[in-house]
Amino acid sequence: MAEKIHPELERRLRILENPENEGRDFDGLAWAALIGLGIVLPIIIILVGR
């Protein structure tokens, strides 16, 4: 037997499924932060820790 979805969860799912909320890409600053914090910084920490 399926349980009912909590109203707040249902509201959030409707927002996510709305086509107007899709398709926004990261800007240049967000890409720089992702690459810097996710790739460059760990490499530097590994090299310094040797």
PDB file of N, CA and C in Angstrom:
ATOM      1  N   MET A   1       0.837  -1.172   0.000  1.00  0.00           N
ATOM      2  CA  MET A   1       0.000   0.000   0.000  1.00  0.00           C
ATOM      3  C   MET A   1       0.890   1.246   0.000  1.00  0.00           C
ATOM      4  N   ALA A   2       0.602   2.165  -0.900  1.00  0.00           N
ATOM      5  CA  ALA A   2       1.406   3.377  -1.030  1.00  0.00           C
ATOM      6  C   ALA A   2       1.007   4.398   0.031  1.00  0.00           C
ATOM      7  N   GLU A   3       2.000   5.060   0.583  1.00  0.00           N
ATOM      8  CA  GLU A   3       1.750   6.100   1.572  1.00  0.00           C
ATOM      9  C   GLU A   3       1.566   7.433   0.863  1.00  0.00           C
ATOM     10  N   LYS A   4       0.841   8.336   1.499  1.00  0.00           N
ATOM     11  CA  LYS A   4       0.659   9.667   0.930  1.00  0.00           C
ATOM     12  C   LYS A   4       1.953  10.466   1.085  1.00  0.00           C
ATOM     13  N   ILE A   5       2.222  11.299   0.107  1.00  0.00           N
ATOM     14  CA  ILE A   5       3.410  12.155   0.151  1.00  0.00           C
ATOM     15  C   ILE A   5       3.107  13.358   1.041  1.00  0.00           C
ATOM     16  N   HIS A   6       4.096  13.718   1.840  1.00  0.00           N
ATOM     17  CA  HIS A   6       3.978  14.884   2.712  1.00  0.00           C
ATOM     18  C   HIS A   6       3.705  16.115   1.838  1.00  0.00           C
ATOM     19  N   PRO A   7       2.803  17.004   2.247  1.00  0.00           N
ATOM     20  CA  PRO A   7       2.448  18.174   1.415  1.00  0.00           C
ATOM     21  C   PRO A   7       3.642  19.057   1.049  1.00  0.00           C
ATOM     22  N   GLU A   8       4.592  19.229   1.967  1.00  0.00           N
ATOM     23  CA  GLU A   8       5.765  20.061   1.666  1.00  0.00           C
ATOM     24  C   GLU A   8       6.616  19.414   0.588  1.00  0.00           C
ATOM     25  N   LEU A   9       6.792  18.101   0.654  1.00  0.00           N
ATOM     26  CA  LEU A   9       7.553  17.387  -0.365  1.00  0.00           C
ATOM     27  C   LEU A   9       6.853  17.479  -1.714  1.00  0.00           C
ATOM     28  N   GLU A  10       5.555  17.344  -1.710  1.00  0.00           N
ATOM     29  CA  GLU A  10       4.794  17.450  -2.957  1.00  0.00           C
ATOM     30  C   GLU A  10       4.936  18.844  -3.564  1.00  0.00           C
ATOM     31  N   ARG A  11       4.913  19.883  -2.737  1.00  0.00           N
ATOM     32  CA  ARG A  11       5.082  21.257  -3.218  1.00  0.00           C
ATOM     33  C   ARG A  11       6.462  21.448  -3.842  1.00  0.00           C
ATOM     34  N   ARG A  12       7.486  20.927  -3.182  1.00  0.00           N
ATOM     35  CA  ARG A  12       8.851  21.060  -3.708  1.00  0.00           C
ATOM     36  C   ARG A  12       9.029  20.288  -5.008  1.00  0.00           C
ATOM     37  N   LEU A  13       8.410  19.121  -5.110  1.00  0.00           N
ATOM     38  CA  LEU A  13       8.487  18.350  -6.350  1.00  0.00           C
ATOM     39  C   LEU A  13       7.818  19.077  -7.500  1.00  0.00           C
ATOM     40  N   ARG A  14       6.686  19.737  -7.229  1.00  0.00           N
ATOM     41  CA  ARG A  14       6.024  20.516  -8.282  1.00  0.00           C
ATOM     42  C   ARG A  14       6.926  21.641  -8.772  1.00  0.00           C
ATOM     43  N   ILE A  15       7.631  22.288  -7.848  1.00  0.00           N
ATOM     44  CA  ILE A  15       8.551  23.366  -8.238  1.00  0.00           C
ATOM     45  C   ILE A  15       9.667  22.806  -9.120  1.00  0.00           C
ATOM     46  N   LEU A  16      10.239  21.662  -8.760  1.00  0.00           N
ATOM     47  CA  LEU A  16      11.326  21.065  -9.536  1.00  0.00           C
ATOM     48  C   LEU A  16      10.866  20.603 -10.911  1.00  0.00           C
ATOM     49  N   GLU A  17       9.631  20.150 -11.020  1.00  0.00           N
ATOM     50  CA  GLU A  17       9.122  19.640 -12.286  1.00  0.00           C
ATOM     51  C   GLU A  17       8.680  20.750 -13.235  1.00  0.00           C
ATOM     52  N   ASN A  18       8.616  21.980 -12.760  1.00  0.00           N
ATOM     53  CA  ASN A  18       8.196  23.108 -13.584  1.00  0.00           C
ATOM     54  C   ASN A  18       9.258  23.391 -14.646  1.00  0.00           C
ATOM     55  N   PRO A  19       8.893  23.375 -15.944  1.00  0.00           N
ATOM     56  CA  PRO A  19       9.878  23.604 -17.012  1.00  0.00           C
ATOM     57  C   PRO A  19      10.574  24.963 -16.928  1.00  0.00           C
ATOM     58  N   GLU A  20       9.931  25.953 -16.332  1.00  0.00           N
ATOM     59  CA  GLU A  20      10.559  27.270 -16.210  1.00  0.00           C
ATOM     60  C   GLU A  20      11.764  27.249 -15.277  1.00  0.00           C
ATOM     61  N   ASN A  21      11.858  26.249 -14.405  1.00  0.00           N
ATOM     62  CA  ASN A  21      12.959  26.163 -13.445  1.00  0.00           C
ATOM     63  C   ASN A  21      14.118  25.316 -13.966  1.00  0.00           C
ATOM     64  N   GLU A  22      14.057  24.901 -15.209  1.00  0.00           N
ATOM     65  CA  GLU A  22      15.100  24.057 -15.771  1.00  0.00           C
ATOM     66  C   GLU A  22      15.970  24.845 -16.748  1.00  0.00           C
ATOM     67  N   GLY A  23      17.168  24.368 -16.951  1.00  0.00           N
ATOM     68  CA  GLY A  23      18.012  24.894 -18.009  1.00  0.00           C
ATOM     69  C   GLY A  23      18.976  25.987 -17.627  1.00  0.00           C
ATOM     70  N   ARG A  24      19.004  26.408 -16.401  1.00  0.00           N
ATOM     71  CA  ARG A  24      19.974  27.438 -16.023  1.00  0.00           C
ATOM     72  C   ARG A  24      21.327  26.785 -15.781  1.00  0.00           C
ATOM     73  N   ASP A  25      22.336  27.310 -16.470  1.00  0.00           N
ATOM     74  CA  ASP A  25      23.677  26.772 -16.320  1.00  0.00           C
ATOM     75  C   ASP A  25      24.460  27.591 -15.301  1.00  0.00           C
ATOM     76  N   PHE A  26      25.610  27.056 -14.926  1.00  0.00           N
ATOM     77  CA  PHE A  26      26.500  27.792 -14.037  1.00  0.00           C
ATOM     78  C   PHE A  26      27.137  28.947 -14.793  1.00  0.00           C
ATOM     79  N   ASP A  27      27.410  30.033 -14.103  1.00  0.00           N
ATOM     80  CA  ASP A  27      28.140  31.131 -14.728  1.00  0.00           C
ATOM     81  C   ASP A  27      29.635  30.891 -14.568  1.00  0.00           C
ATOM     82  N   GLY A  28      30.440  31.776 -15.087  1.00  0.00           N
ATOM     83  CA  GLY A  28      31.887  31.605 -15.065  1.00  0.00           C
ATOM     84  C   GLY A  28      32.466  31.520 -13.661  1.00  0.00           C
ATOM     85  N   LEU A  29      31.954  32.332 -12.759  1.00  0.00           N
ATOM     86  CA  LEU A  29      32.450  32.318 -11.384  1.00  0.00           C
ATOM     87  C   LEU A  29      32.136  30.988 -10.699  1.00  0.00           C
ATOM     88  N   ALA A  30      30.954  30.442 -10.962  1.00  0.00           N
ATOM     89  CA  ALA A  30      30.594  29.157 -10.363  1.00  0.00           C
ATOM     90  C   ALA A  30      31.497  28.045 -10.900  1.00  0.00           C
ATOM     91  N   TRP A  31      31.777  28.063 -12.218  1.00  0.00           N
ATOM     92  CA  TRP A  31      32.678  27.054 -12.793  1.00  0.00           C
ATOM     93  C   TRP A  31      34.076  27.181 -12.204  1.00  0.00           C
ATOM     94  N   ALA A  32      34.553  28.409 -12.042  1.00  0.00           N
ATOM     95  CA  ALA A  32      35.885  28.618 -11.466  1.00  0.00           C
ATOM     96  C   ALA A  32      35.940  28.083 -10.034  1.00  0.00           C
ATOM     97  N   ALA A  33      34.893  28.318  -9.257  1.00  0.00           N
ATOM     98  CA  ALA A  33      34.862  27.821  -7.882  1.00  0.00           C
ATOM     99  C   ALA A  33      34.813  26.295  -7.854  1.00  0.00           C
ATOM    100  N   LEU A  34      34.004  25.700  -8.721  1.00  0.00           N
ATOM    101  CA  LEU A  34      33.913  24.238  -8.773  1.00  0.00           C
ATOM    102  C   LEU A  34      35.247  23.606  -9.138  1.00  0.00           C
ATOM    103  N   ILE A  35      35.899  24.154 -10.155  1.00  0.00           N
ATOM    104  CA  ILE A  35      37.188  23.600 -10.589  1.00  0.00           C
ATOM    105  C   ILE A  35      38.258  23.860  -9.532  1.00  0.00           C
ATOM    106  N   GLY A  36      38.268  25.075  -8.984  1.00  0.00           N
ATOM    107  CA  GLY A  36      39.276  25.416  -7.987  1.00  0.00           C
ATOM    108  C   GLY A  36      39.152  24.596  -6.708  1.00  0.00           C
ATOM    109  N   LEU A  37      37.962  24.511  -6.194  1.00  0.00           N
ATOM    110  CA  LEU A  37      37.766  23.796  -4.929  1.00  0.00           C
ATOM    111  C   LEU A  37      37.701  22.280  -5.108  1.00  0.00           C
ATOM    112  N   GLY A  38      37.300  21.827  -6.280  1.00  0.00           N
ATOM    113  CA  GLY A  38      37.126  20.393  -6.485  1.00  0.00           C
ATOM    114  C   GLY A  38      38.310  19.695  -7.107  1.00  0.00           C
ATOM    115  N   ILE A  39      39.161  20.440  -7.807  1.00  0.00           N
ATOM    116  CA  ILE A  39      40.291  19.808  -8.510  1.00  0.00           C
ATOM    117  C   ILE A  39      41.622  20.408  -8.071  1.00  0.00           C
ATOM    118  N   VAL A  40      41.752  21.721  -8.223  1.00  0.00           N
ATOM    119  CA  VAL A  40      43.041  22.367  -7.973  1.00  0.00           C
ATOM    120  C   VAL A  40      43.431  22.310  -6.492  1.00  0.00           C
ATOM    121  N   LEU A  41      42.534  22.693  -5.611  1.00  0.00           N
ATOM    122  CA  LEU A  41      42.856  22.698  -4.182  1.00  0.00           C
ATOM    123  C   LEU A  41      43.209  21.315  -3.654  1.00  0.00           C
ATOM    124  N   PRO A  42      42.459  20.255  -3.990  1.00  0.00           N
ATOM    125  CA  PRO A  42      42.884  18.921  -3.513  1.00  0.00           C
ATOM    126  C   PRO A  42      44.246  18.498  -4.047  1.00  0.00           C
ATOM    127  N   ILE A  43      44.549  18.853  -5.289  1.00  0.00           N
ATOM    128  CA  ILE A  43      45.878  18.508  -5.843  1.00  0.00           C
ATOM    129  C   ILE A  43      46.972  19.223  -5.057  1.00  0.00           C
ATOM    130  N   ILE A  44      46.765  20.521  -4.774  1.00  0.00           N
ATOM    131  CA  ILE A  44      47.756  21.276  -4.004  1.00  0.00           C
ATOM    132  C   ILE A  44      47.924  20.668  -2.610  1.00  0.00           C
ATOM    133  N   ILE A  45      46.827  20.309  -1.975  1.00  0.00           N
ATOM    134  CA  ILE A  45      46.908  19.728  -0.629  1.00  0.00           C
ATOM    135  C   ILE A  45      47.649  18.400  -0.660  1.00  0.00           C
ATOM    136  N   ILE A  46      47.411  17.583  -1.681  1.00  0.00           N
ATOM    137  CA  ILE A  46      48.118  16.312  -1.800  1.00  0.00           C
ATOM    138  C   ILE A  46      49.606  16.531  -2.012  1.00  0.00           C
ATOM    139  N   LEU A  47      49.959  17.482  -2.874  1.00  0.00           N
ATOM    140  CA  LEU A  47      51.371  17.747  -3.141  1.00  0.00           C
ATOM    141  C   LEU A  47      52.084  18.320  -1.916  1.00  0.00           C
ATOM    142  N   VAL A  48      51.429  19.170  -1.168  1.00  0.00           N
ATOM    143  CA  VAL A  48      52.033  19.762   0.014  1.00  0.00           C
ATOM    144  C   VAL A  48      52.171  18.717   1.113  1.00  0.00           C
ATOM    145  N   GLY A  49      51.251  17.796   1.183  1.00  0.00           N
ATOM    146  CA  GLY A  49      51.272  16.786   2.228  1.00  0.00           C
ATOM    147  C   GLY A  49      52.324  15.687   2.031  1.00  0.00           C
ATOM    148  N   ARG A  50      52.932  15.662   0.875  1.00  0.00           N
ATOM    149  CA  ARG A  50      53.959  14.614   0.611  1.00  0.00           C
ATOM    150  C   ARG A  50      55.177  14.863   1.404  1.00  0.00           C
TER     151      ARG A  50
END
